[in-house]
Amino acid sequence: MPRSNRPRGARPADDESEIDLNRALYGSLRSETQRDGAWNVQPVSATSAAKTYICPGCRLDITPGTAHIVAWRADGLMGEADDIAARRHWHAHCWKIR
């Protein structure tokens, strides 16, 4: 009997596939604890980087097409909306050595 190449497992729901697509396009959000508190960190791929930013670590430009990190406080006192508004774009190396 010939083998079937049809997947046998359950198919993911639309919500799960949308989450997987966002994760593939924008990277996965993670939490990190540094000396100065908790941070939300999300990598940005080179294909998703469309604007120029200034890295707060080295004060150099992060040009479009450069993979980098976006970080914002996870434990801010003023609320989540203010924390997200204060997010900063970092070179991956600058974020590691800060």
PDB file of N, CA and C in Angstrom:
ATOM      1  N   MET A   1       0.846  -1.175   0.000  1.00  0.00           N
ATOM      2  CA  MET A   1       0.000   0.000   0.000  1.00  0.00           C
ATOM      3  C   MET A   1       0.891   1.238   0.000  1.00  0.00           C
ATOM      4  N   PRO A   2       0.615   2.224  -0.881  1.00  0.00           N
ATOM      5  CA  PRO A   2       1.430   3.432  -0.933  1.00  0.00           C
ATOM      6  C   PRO A   2       1.281   4.268   0.340  1.00  0.00           C
ATOM      7  N   ARG A   3       2.336   4.975   0.646  1.00  0.00           N
ATOM      8  CA  ARG A   3       2.358   5.830   1.833  1.00  0.00           C
ATOM      9  C   ARG A   3       1.690   7.162   1.515  1.00  0.00           C
ATOM     10  N   SER A   4       0.915   7.673   2.461  1.00  0.00           N
ATOM     11  CA  SER A   4       0.256   8.963   2.290  1.00  0.00           C
ATOM     12  C   SER A   4       1.110  10.060   2.917  1.00  0.00           C
ATOM     13  N   ASN A   5       1.310  11.165   2.210  1.00  0.00           N
ATOM     14  CA  ASN A   5       2.083  12.289   2.734  1.00  0.00           C
ATOM     15  C   ASN A   5       1.198  13.337   3.394  1.00  0.00           C
ATOM     16  N   ARG A   6      -0.053  13.028   3.560  1.00  0.00           N
ATOM     17  CA  ARG A   6      -0.995  13.959   4.166  1.00  0.00           C
ATOM     18  C   ARG A   6      -0.736  14.045   5.665  1.00  0.00           C
ATOM     19  N   PRO A   7      -0.681  15.274   6.237  1.00  0.00           N
ATOM     20  CA  PRO A   7      -0.469  15.391   7.687  1.00  0.00           C
ATOM     21  C   PRO A   7      -1.645  14.802   8.456  1.00  0.00           C
ATOM     22  N   ARG A   8      -1.363  14.112   9.522  1.00  0.00           N
ATOM     23  CA  ARG A   8      -2.391  13.439  10.299  1.00  0.00           C
ATOM     24  C   ARG A   8      -2.777  14.193  11.563  1.00  0.00           C
ATOM     25  N   GLY A   9      -1.957  15.129  12.001  1.00  0.00           N
ATOM     26  CA  GLY A   9      -2.231  15.871  13.241  1.00  0.00           C
ATOM     27  C   GLY A   9      -3.304  16.923  13.037  1.00  0.00           C
ATOM     28  N   ALA A  10      -3.731  17.485  14.138  1.00  0.00           N
ATOM     29  CA  ALA A  10      -4.729  18.559  14.086  1.00  0.00           C
ATOM     30  C   ALA A  10      -4.106  19.807  13.478  1.00  0.00           C
ATOM     31  N   ARG A  11      -4.874  20.523  12.704  1.00  0.00           N
ATOM     32  CA  ARG A  11      -4.398  21.761  12.103  1.00  0.00           C
ATOM     33  C   ARG A  11      -4.517  22.885  13.110  1.00  0.00           C
ATOM     34  N   PRO A  12      -3.565  23.818  13.126  1.00  0.00           N
ATOM     35  CA  PRO A  12      -3.663  24.926  14.082  1.00  0.00           C
ATOM     36  C   PRO A  12      -4.831  25.841  13.741  1.00  0.00           C
ATOM     37  N   ALA A  13      -5.395  26.433  14.767  1.00  0.00           N
ATOM     38  CA  ALA A  13      -6.479  27.389  14.572  1.00  0.00           C
ATOM     39  C   ALA A  13      -5.932  28.654  13.927  1.00  0.00           C
ATOM     40  N   ASP A  14      -6.807  29.496  13.383  1.00  0.00           N
ATOM     41  CA  ASP A  14      -6.375  30.730  12.722  1.00  0.00           C
ATOM     42  C   ASP A  14      -5.614  31.637  13.663  1.00  0.00           C
ATOM     43  N   ASP A  15      -6.034  31.724  14.932  1.00  0.00           N
ATOM     44  CA  ASP A  15      -5.349  32.580  15.898  1.00  0.00           C
ATOM     45  C   ASP A  15      -3.919  32.115  16.114  1.00  0.00           C
ATOM     46  N   GLU A  16      -3.720  30.815  16.209  1.00  0.00           N
ATOM     47  CA  GLU A  16      -2.378  30.282  16.425  1.00  0.00           C
ATOM     48  C   GLU A  16      -1.492  30.540  15.216  1.00  0.00           C
ATOM     49  N   SER A  17      -2.036  30.381  14.015  1.00  0.00           N
ATOM     50  CA  SER A  17      -1.217  30.620  12.828  1.00  0.00           C
ATOM     51  C   SER A  17      -0.866  32.103  12.691  1.00  0.00           C
ATOM     52  N   GLU A  18      -1.773  32.997  13.116  1.00  0.00           N
ATOM     53  CA  GLU A  18      -1.476  34.429  13.088  1.00  0.00           C
ATOM     54  C   GLU A  18      -0.370  34.757  14.081  1.00  0.00           C
ATOM     55  N   ILE A  19      -0.409  34.146  15.258  1.00  0.00           N
ATOM     56  CA  ILE A  19       0.650  34.363  16.247  1.00  0.00           C
ATOM     57  C   ILE A  19       1.980  33.855  15.711  1.00  0.00           C
ATOM     58  N   ASP A  20       1.977  32.684  15.085  1.00  0.00           N
ATOM     59  CA  ASP A  20       3.205  32.146  14.515  1.00  0.00           C
ATOM     60  C   ASP A  20       3.741  33.043  13.403  1.00  0.00           C
ATOM     61  N   LEU A  21       2.850  33.618  12.593  1.00  0.00           N
ATOM     62  CA  LEU A  21       3.281  34.515  11.536  1.00  0.00           C
ATOM     63  C   LEU A  21       3.900  35.781  12.125  1.00  0.00           C
ATOM     64  N   ASN A  22       3.274  36.354  13.145  1.00  0.00           N
ATOM     65  CA  ASN A  22       3.842  37.535  13.804  1.00  0.00           C
ATOM     66  C   ASN A  22       5.195  37.211  14.424  1.00  0.00           C
ATOM     67  N   ARG A  23       5.318  36.058  15.035  1.00  0.00           N
ATOM     68  CA  ARG A  23       6.594  35.666  15.639  1.00  0.00           C
ATOM     69  C   ARG A  23       7.665  35.511  14.574  1.00  0.00           C
ATOM     70  N   ALA A  24       7.308  34.950  13.416  1.00  0.00           N
ATOM     71  CA  ALA A  24       8.277  34.780  12.333  1.00  0.00           C
ATOM     72  C   ALA A  24       8.695  36.127  11.742  1.00  0.00           C
ATOM     73  N   LEU A  25       7.742  37.051  11.619  1.00  0.00           N
ATOM     74  CA  LEU A  25       8.053  38.344  11.023  1.00  0.00           C
ATOM     75  C   LEU A  25       8.775  39.279  11.981  1.00  0.00           C
ATOM     76  N   TYR A  26       8.349  39.306  13.221  1.00  0.00           N
ATOM     77  CA  TYR A  26       8.839  40.325  14.155  1.00  0.00           C
ATOM     78  C   TYR A  26       9.710  39.778  15.278  1.00  0.00           C
ATOM     79  N   GLY A  27       9.896  38.496  15.370  1.00  0.00           N
ATOM     80  CA  GLY A  27      10.691  37.934  16.441  1.00  0.00           C
ATOM     81  C   GLY A  27       9.854  37.660  17.670  1.00  0.00           C
ATOM     82  N   SER A  28      10.440  36.978  18.612  1.00  0.00           N
ATOM     83  CA  SER A  28       9.673  36.603  19.800  1.00  0.00           C
ATOM     84  C   SER A  28       9.998  37.549  20.955  1.00  0.00           C
ATOM     85  N   LEU A  29       8.964  37.960  21.635  1.00  0.00           N
ATOM     86  CA  LEU A  29       9.103  38.835  22.791  1.00  0.00           C
ATOM     87  C   LEU A  29       9.575  38.012  23.969  1.00  0.00           C
ATOM     88  N   ARG A  30      10.566  38.522  24.692  1.00  0.00           N
ATOM     89  CA  ARG A  30      11.044  37.823  25.885  1.00  0.00           C
ATOM     90  C   ARG A  30      11.263  38.841  26.993  1.00  0.00           C
ATOM     91  N   SER A  31      11.318  38.372  28.209  1.00  0.00           N
ATOM     92  CA  SER A  31      11.592  39.236  29.361  1.00  0.00           C
ATOM     93  C   SER A  31      13.001  38.959  29.854  1.00  0.00           C
ATOM     94  N   GLU A  32      13.701  40.019  30.215  1.00  0.00           N
ATOM     95  CA  GLU A  32      15.058  39.897  30.758  1.00  0.00           C
ATOM     96  C   GLU A  32      15.139  40.719  32.030  1.00  0.00           C
ATOM     97  N   THR A  33      15.912  40.222  32.980  1.00  0.00           N
ATOM     98  CA  THR A  33      16.173  40.969  34.201  1.00  0.00           C
ATOM     99  C   THR A  33      17.610  41.460  34.155  1.00  0.00           C
ATOM    100  N   GLN A  34      17.763  42.771  34.216  1.00  0.00           N
ATOM    101  CA  GLN A  34      19.074  43.407  34.207  1.00  0.00           C
ATOM    102  C   GLN A  34      19.339  44.013  35.584  1.00  0.00           C
ATOM    103  N   ARG A  35      20.465  44.692  35.719  1.00  0.00           N
ATOM    104  CA  ARG A  35      20.799  45.345  36.996  1.00  0.00           C
ATOM    105  C   ARG A  35      19.747  46.365  37.391  1.00  0.00           C
ATOM    106  N   ASP A  36      19.185  47.035  36.390  1.00  0.00           N
ATOM    107  CA  ASP A  36      18.265  48.131  36.673  1.00  0.00           C
ATOM    108  C   ASP A  36      16.794  47.737  36.582  1.00  0.00           C
ATOM    109  N   GLY A  37      16.482  46.461  36.557  1.00  0.00           N
ATOM    110  CA  GLY A  37      15.093  46.026  36.577  1.00  0.00           C
ATOM    111  C   GLY A  37      14.749  45.066  35.459  1.00  0.00           C
ATOM    112  N   ALA A  38      13.451  44.845  35.283  1.00  0.00           N
ATOM    113  CA  ALA A  38      12.956  43.916  34.272  1.00  0.00           C
ATOM    114  C   ALA A  38      12.668  44.659  32.970  1.00  0.00           C
ATOM    115  N   TRP A  39      12.986  44.016  31.860  1.00  0.00           N
ATOM    116  CA  TRP A  39      12.822  44.612  30.538  1.00  0.00           C
ATOM    117  C   TRP A  39      12.119  43.630  29.609  1.00  0.00           C
ATOM    118  N   ASN A  40      11.278  44.144  28.733  1.00  0.00           N
ATOM    119  CA  ASN A  40      10.740  43.379  27.612  1.00  0.00           C
ATOM    120  C   ASN A  40      11.670  43.628  26.439  1.00  0.00           C
ATOM    121  N   VAL A  41      12.077  42.551  25.773  1.00  0.00           N
ATOM    122  CA  VAL A  41      13.042  42.648  24.680  1.00  0.00           C
ATOM    123  C   VAL A  41      12.468  41.916  23.481  1.00  0.00           C
ATOM    124  N   GLN A  42      12.494  42.587  22.337  1.00  0.00           N
ATOM    125  CA  GLN A  42      11.986  41.977  21.111  1.00  0.00           C
ATOM    126  C   GLN A  42      12.975  42.232  19.990  1.00  0.00           C
ATOM    127  N   PRO A  43      13.479  41.167  19.377  1.00  0.00           N
ATOM    128  CA  PRO A  43      14.380  41.358  18.242  1.00  0.00           C
ATOM    129  C   PRO A  43      13.611  41.824  17.009  1.00  0.00           C
ATOM    130  N   VAL A  44      14.256  42.644  16.194  1.00  0.00           N
ATOM    131  CA  VAL A  44      13.700  43.118  14.936  1.00  0.00           C
ATOM    132  C   VAL A  44      14.610  42.591  13.831  1.00  0.00           C
ATOM    133  N   SER A  45      14.036  41.873  12.872  1.00  0.00           N
ATOM    134  CA  SER A  45      14.835  41.314  11.782  1.00  0.00           C
ATOM    135  C   SER A  45      15.254  42.414  10.818  1.00  0.00           C
ATOM    136  N   ALA A  46      16.239  42.115  10.010  1.00  0.00           N
ATOM    137  CA  ALA A  46      16.731  43.091   9.038  1.00  0.00           C
ATOM    138  C   ALA A  46      15.654  43.459   8.026  1.00  0.00           C
ATOM    139  N   THR A  47      14.816  42.521   7.662  1.00  0.00           N
ATOM    140  CA  THR A  47      13.769  42.807   6.680  1.00  0.00           C
ATOM    141  C   THR A  47      12.656  43.663   7.271  1.00  0.00           C
ATOM    142  N   SER A  48      12.471  43.616   8.588  1.00  0.00           N
ATOM    143  CA  SER A  48      11.426  44.413   9.240  1.00  0.00           C
ATOM    144  C   SER A  48      11.906  45.796   9.649  1.00  0.00           C
ATOM    145  N   ALA A  49      13.209  46.016   9.645  1.00  0.00           N
ATOM    146  CA  ALA A  49      13.769  47.305  10.069  1.00  0.00           C
ATOM    147  C   ALA A  49      13.683  48.293   8.907  1.00  0.00           C
ATOM    148  N   ALA A  50      12.719  49.220   9.004  1.00  0.00           N
ATOM    149  CA  ALA A  50      12.460  50.112   7.875  1.00  0.00           C
ATOM    150  C   ALA A  50      12.828  51.569   8.147  1.00  0.00           C
ATOM    151  N   LYS A  51      13.145  51.921   9.377  1.00  0.00           N
ATOM    152  CA  LYS A  51      13.445  53.309   9.719  1.00  0.00           C
ATOM    153  C   LYS A  51      14.826  53.418  10.331  1.00  0.00           C
ATOM    154  N   THR A  52      15.308  54.642  10.434  1.00  0.00           N
ATOM    155  CA  THR A  52      16.584  54.909  11.091  1.00  0.00           C
ATOM    156  C   THR A  52      16.316  55.276  12.544  1.00  0.00           C
ATOM    157  N   TYR A  53      17.067  54.666  13.457  1.00  0.00           N
ATOM    158  CA  TYR A  53      16.967  54.949  14.888  1.00  0.00           C
ATOM    159  C   TYR A  53      18.354  55.277  15.411  1.00  0.00           C
ATOM    160  N   ILE A  54      18.419  55.897  16.577  1.00  0.00           N
ATOM    161  CA  ILE A  54      19.697  56.157  17.248  1.00  0.00           C
ATOM    162  C   ILE A  54      19.779  55.229  18.440  1.00  0.00           C
ATOM    163  N   CYS A  55      20.833  54.437  18.495  1.00  0.00           N
ATOM    164  CA  CYS A  55      21.045  53.496  19.588  1.00  0.00           C
ATOM    165  C   CYS A  55      21.427  54.274  20.848  1.00  0.00           C
ATOM    166  N   PRO A  56      20.719  54.057  21.973  1.00  0.00           N
ATOM    167  CA  PRO A  56      21.071  54.780  23.197  1.00  0.00           C
ATOM    168  C   PRO A  56      22.384  54.297  23.822  1.00  0.00           C
ATOM    169  N   GLY A  57      22.873  53.148  23.394  1.00  0.00           N
ATOM    170  CA  GLY A  57      24.117  52.626  23.941  1.00  0.00           C
ATOM    171  C   GLY A  57      25.352  53.292  23.363  1.00  0.00           C
ATOM    172  N   CYS A  58      25.401  53.423  22.041  1.00  0.00           N
ATOM    173  CA  CYS A  58      26.589  53.969  21.378  1.00  0.00           C
ATOM    174  C   CYS A  58      26.322  55.297  20.672  1.00  0.00           C
ATOM    175  N   ARG A  59      25.068  55.723  20.618  1.00  0.00           N
ATOM    176  CA  ARG A  59      24.647  56.971  19.979  1.00  0.00           C
ATOM    177  C   ARG A  59      24.905  56.995  18.475  1.00  0.00           C
ATOM    178  N   LEU A  60      25.052  55.817  17.868  1.00  0.00           N
ATOM    179  CA  LEU A  60      25.214  55.719  16.421  1.00  0.00           C
ATOM    180  C   LEU A  60      23.884  55.329  15.782  1.00  0.00           C
ATOM    181  N   ASP A  61      23.756  55.579  14.487  1.00  0.00           N
ATOM    182  CA  ASP A  61      22.522  55.252  13.779  1.00  0.00           C
ATOM    183  C   ASP A  61      22.355  53.745  13.621  1.00  0.00           C
ATOM    184  N   ILE A  62      21.108  53.313  13.719  1.00  0.00           N
ATOM    185  CA  ILE A  62      20.707  51.968  13.305  1.00  0.00           C
ATOM    186  C   ILE A  62      19.982  52.191  11.985  1.00  0.00           C
ATOM    187  N   THR A  63      20.614  51.837  10.898  1.00  0.00           N
ATOM    188  CA  THR A  63      20.086  52.135   9.570  1.00  0.00           C
ATOM    189  C   THR A  63      19.016  51.125   9.160  1.00  0.00           C
ATOM    190  N   PRO A  64      18.164  51.499   8.224  1.00  0.00           N
ATOM    191  CA  PRO A  64      17.168  50.539   7.725  1.00  0.00           C
ATOM    192  C   PRO A  64      17.864  49.299   7.166  1.00  0.00           C
ATOM    193  N   GLY A  65      17.279  48.143   7.419  1.00  0.00           N
ATOM    194  CA  GLY A  65      17.877  46.888   6.964  1.00  0.00           C
ATOM    195  C   GLY A  65      18.865  46.294   7.944  1.00  0.00           C
ATOM    196  N   THR A  66      18.999  46.886   9.139  1.00  0.00           N
ATOM    197  CA  THR A  66      19.908  46.369  10.154  1.00  0.00           C
ATOM    198  C   THR A  66      19.101  45.696  11.257  1.00  0.00           C
ATOM    199  N   ALA A  67      19.393  44.428  11.521  1.00  0.00           N
ATOM    200  CA  ALA A  67      18.721  43.721  12.611  1.00  0.00           C
ATOM    201  C   ALA A  67      19.126  44.365  13.936  1.00  0.00           C
ATOM    202  N   HIS A  68      18.170  44.504  14.845  1.00  0.00           N
ATOM    203  CA  HIS A  68      18.456  45.140  16.131  1.00  0.00           C
ATOM    204  C   HIS A  68      17.455  44.676  17.184  1.00  0.00           C
ATOM    205  N   ILE A  69      17.511  45.278  18.368  1.00  0.00           N
ATOM    206  CA  ILE A  69      16.674  44.922  19.508  1.00  0.00           C
ATOM    207  C   ILE A  69      15.809  46.126  19.873  1.00  0.00           C
ATOM    208  N   VAL A  70      14.548  45.869  20.227  1.00  0.00           N
ATOM    209  CA  VAL A  70      13.688  46.901  20.805  1.00  0.00           C
ATOM    210  C   VAL A  70      13.455  46.500  22.256  1.00  0.00           C
ATOM    211  N   ALA A  71      13.691  47.432  23.186  1.00  0.00           N
ATOM    212  CA  ALA A  71      13.554  47.131  24.610  1.00  0.00           C
ATOM    213  C   ALA A  71      12.742  48.213  25.305  1.00  0.00           C
ATOM    214  N   TRP A  72      11.918  47.782  26.274  1.00  0.00           N
ATOM    215  CA  TRP A  72      11.164  48.711  27.106  1.00  0.00           C
ATOM    216  C   TRP A  72      10.967  48.087  28.472  1.00  0.00           C
ATOM    217  N   ARG A  73      10.755  48.945  29.467  1.00  0.00           N
ATOM    218  CA  ARG A  73      10.621  48.497  30.858  1.00  0.00           C
ATOM    219  C   ARG A  73       9.434  47.558  31.014  1.00  0.00           C
ATOM    220  N   ALA A  74       9.616  46.529  31.798  1.00  0.00           N
ATOM    221  CA  ALA A  74       8.527  45.604  32.109  1.00  0.00           C
ATOM    222  C   ALA A  74       7.967  45.876  33.492  1.00  0.00           C
ATOM    223  N   ASP A  75       8.660  46.703  34.262  1.00  0.00           N
ATOM    224  CA  ASP A  75       8.248  46.948  35.647  1.00  0.00           C
ATOM    225  C   ASP A  75       8.087  48.440  35.938  1.00  0.00           C
ATOM    226  N   GLY A  76       7.706  49.202  34.916  1.00  0.00           N
ATOM    227  CA  GLY A  76       7.566  50.643  35.080  1.00  0.00           C
ATOM    228  C   GLY A  76       6.443  51.005  36.034  1.00  0.00           C
ATOM    229  N   LEU A  77       6.593  52.110  36.697  1.00  0.00           N
ATOM    230  CA  LEU A  77       5.599  52.561  37.672  1.00  0.00           C
ATOM    231  C   LEU A  77       4.438  53.312  37.043  1.00  0.00           C
ATOM    232  N   MET A  78       4.625  53.867  35.866  1.00  0.00           N
ATOM    233  CA  MET A  78       3.608  54.723  35.260  1.00  0.00           C
ATOM    234  C   MET A  78       2.615  53.954  34.393  1.00  0.00           C
ATOM    235  N   GLY A  79       2.786  52.647  34.260  1.00  0.00           N
ATOM    236  CA  GLY A  79       1.848  51.848  33.482  1.00  0.00           C
ATOM    237  C   GLY A  79       2.436  51.360  32.176  1.00  0.00           C
ATOM    238  N   GLU A  80       1.764  50.392  31.615  1.00  0.00           N
ATOM    239  CA  GLU A  80       2.256  49.739  30.406  1.00  0.00           C
ATOM    240  C   GLU A  80       2.287  50.681  29.205  1.00  0.00           C
ATOM    241  N   ALA A  81       1.303  51.546  29.084  1.00  0.00           N
ATOM    242  CA  ALA A  81       1.256  52.463  27.933  1.00  0.00           C
ATOM    243  C   ALA A  81       2.473  53.395  27.930  1.00  0.00           C
ATOM    244  N   ASP A  82       2.854  53.915  29.086  1.00  0.00           N
ATOM    245  CA  ASP A  82       4.036  54.775  29.164  1.00  0.00           C
ATOM    246  C   ASP A  82       5.322  53.997  28.905  1.00  0.00           C
ATOM    247  N   ASP A  83       5.372  52.747  29.378  1.00  0.00           N
ATOM    248  CA  ASP A  83       6.549  51.916  29.136  1.00  0.00           C
ATOM    249  C   ASP A  83       6.732  51.656  27.644  1.00  0.00           C
ATOM    250  N   ILE A  84       5.648  51.344  26.959  1.00  0.00           N
ATOM    251  CA  ILE A  84       5.729  51.086  25.522  1.00  0.00           C
ATOM    252  C   ILE A  84       6.110  52.360  24.771  1.00  0.00           C
ATOM    253  N   ALA A  85       5.591  53.504  25.205  1.00  0.00           N
ATOM    254  CA  ALA A  85       5.941  54.772  24.559  1.00  0.00           C
ATOM    255  C   ALA A  85       7.416  55.109  24.745  1.00  0.00           C
ATOM    256  N   ALA A  86       8.033  54.593  25.800  1.00  0.00           N
ATOM    257  CA  ALA A  86       9.441  54.878  26.087  1.00  0.00           C
ATOM    258  C   ALA A  86      10.381  53.792  25.558  1.00  0.00           C
ATOM    259  N   ARG A  87       9.909  52.931  24.675  1.00  0.00           N
ATOM    260  CA  ARG A  87      10.776  51.858  24.163  1.00  0.00           C
ATOM    261  C   ARG A  87      11.886  52.448  23.313  1.00  0.00           C
ATOM    262  N   ARG A  88      13.011  51.752  23.274  1.00  0.00           N
ATOM    263  CA  ARG A  88      14.191  52.216  22.547  1.00  0.00           C
ATOM    264  C   ARG A  88      14.741  51.094  21.674  1.00  0.00           C
ATOM    265  N   HIS A  89      15.338  51.494  20.559  1.00  0.00           N
ATOM    266  CA  HIS A  89      15.943  50.558  19.616  1.00  0.00           C
ATOM    267  C   HIS A  89      17.447  50.528  19.875  1.00  0.00           C
ATOM    268  N   TRP A  90      17.997  49.336  20.067  1.00  0.00           N
ATOM    269  CA  TRP A  90      19.401  49.132  20.415  1.00  0.00           C
ATOM    270  C   TRP A  90      20.069  48.226  19.381  1.00  0.00           C
ATOM    271  N   HIS A  91      21.358  48.452  19.134  1.00  0.00           N
ATOM    272  CA  HIS A  91      22.149  47.434  18.453  1.00  0.00           C
ATOM    273  C   HIS A  91      22.195  46.219  19.382  1.00  0.00           C
ATOM    274  N   ALA A  92      22.173  45.024  18.822  1.00  0.00           N
ATOM    275  CA  ALA A  92      22.177  43.814  19.653  1.00  0.00           C
ATOM    276  C   ALA A  92      23.420  43.771  20.549  1.00  0.00           C
ATOM    277  N   HIS A  93      24.567  44.172  20.029  1.00  0.00           N
ATOM    278  CA  HIS A  93      25.794  44.164  20.814  1.00  0.00           C
ATOM    279  C   HIS A  93      25.731  45.190  21.955  1.00  0.00           C
ATOM    280  N   CYS A  94      25.215  46.363  21.663  1.00  0.00           N
ATOM    281  CA  CYS A  94      25.115  47.407  22.691  1.00  0.00           C
ATOM    282  C   CYS A  94      24.180  46.962  23.818  1.00  0.00           C
ATOM    283  N   TRP A  95      23.108  46.257  23.474  1.00  0.00           N
ATOM    284  CA  TRP A  95      22.186  45.764  24.499  1.00  0.00           C
ATOM    285  C   TRP A  95      22.885  44.727  25.379  1.00  0.00           C
ATOM    286  N   LYS A  96      23.699  43.868  24.784  1.00  0.00           N
ATOM    287  CA  LYS A  96      24.379  42.827  25.566  1.00  0.00           C
ATOM    288  C   LYS A  96      25.391  43.398  26.552  1.00  0.00           C
ATOM    289  N   ILE A  97      26.086  44.469  26.176  1.00  0.00           N
ATOM    290  CA  ILE A  97      27.158  44.979  27.027  1.00  0.00           C
ATOM    291  C   ILE A  97      26.722  46.108  27.947  1.00  0.00           C
ATOM    292  N   ARG A  98      25.482  46.511  27.894  1.00  0.00           N
ATOM    293  CA  ARG A  98      25.026  47.645  28.721  1.00  0.00           C
ATOM    294  C   ARG A  98      25.055  47.339  30.179  1.00  0.00           C
TER     295      ARG A  98
END
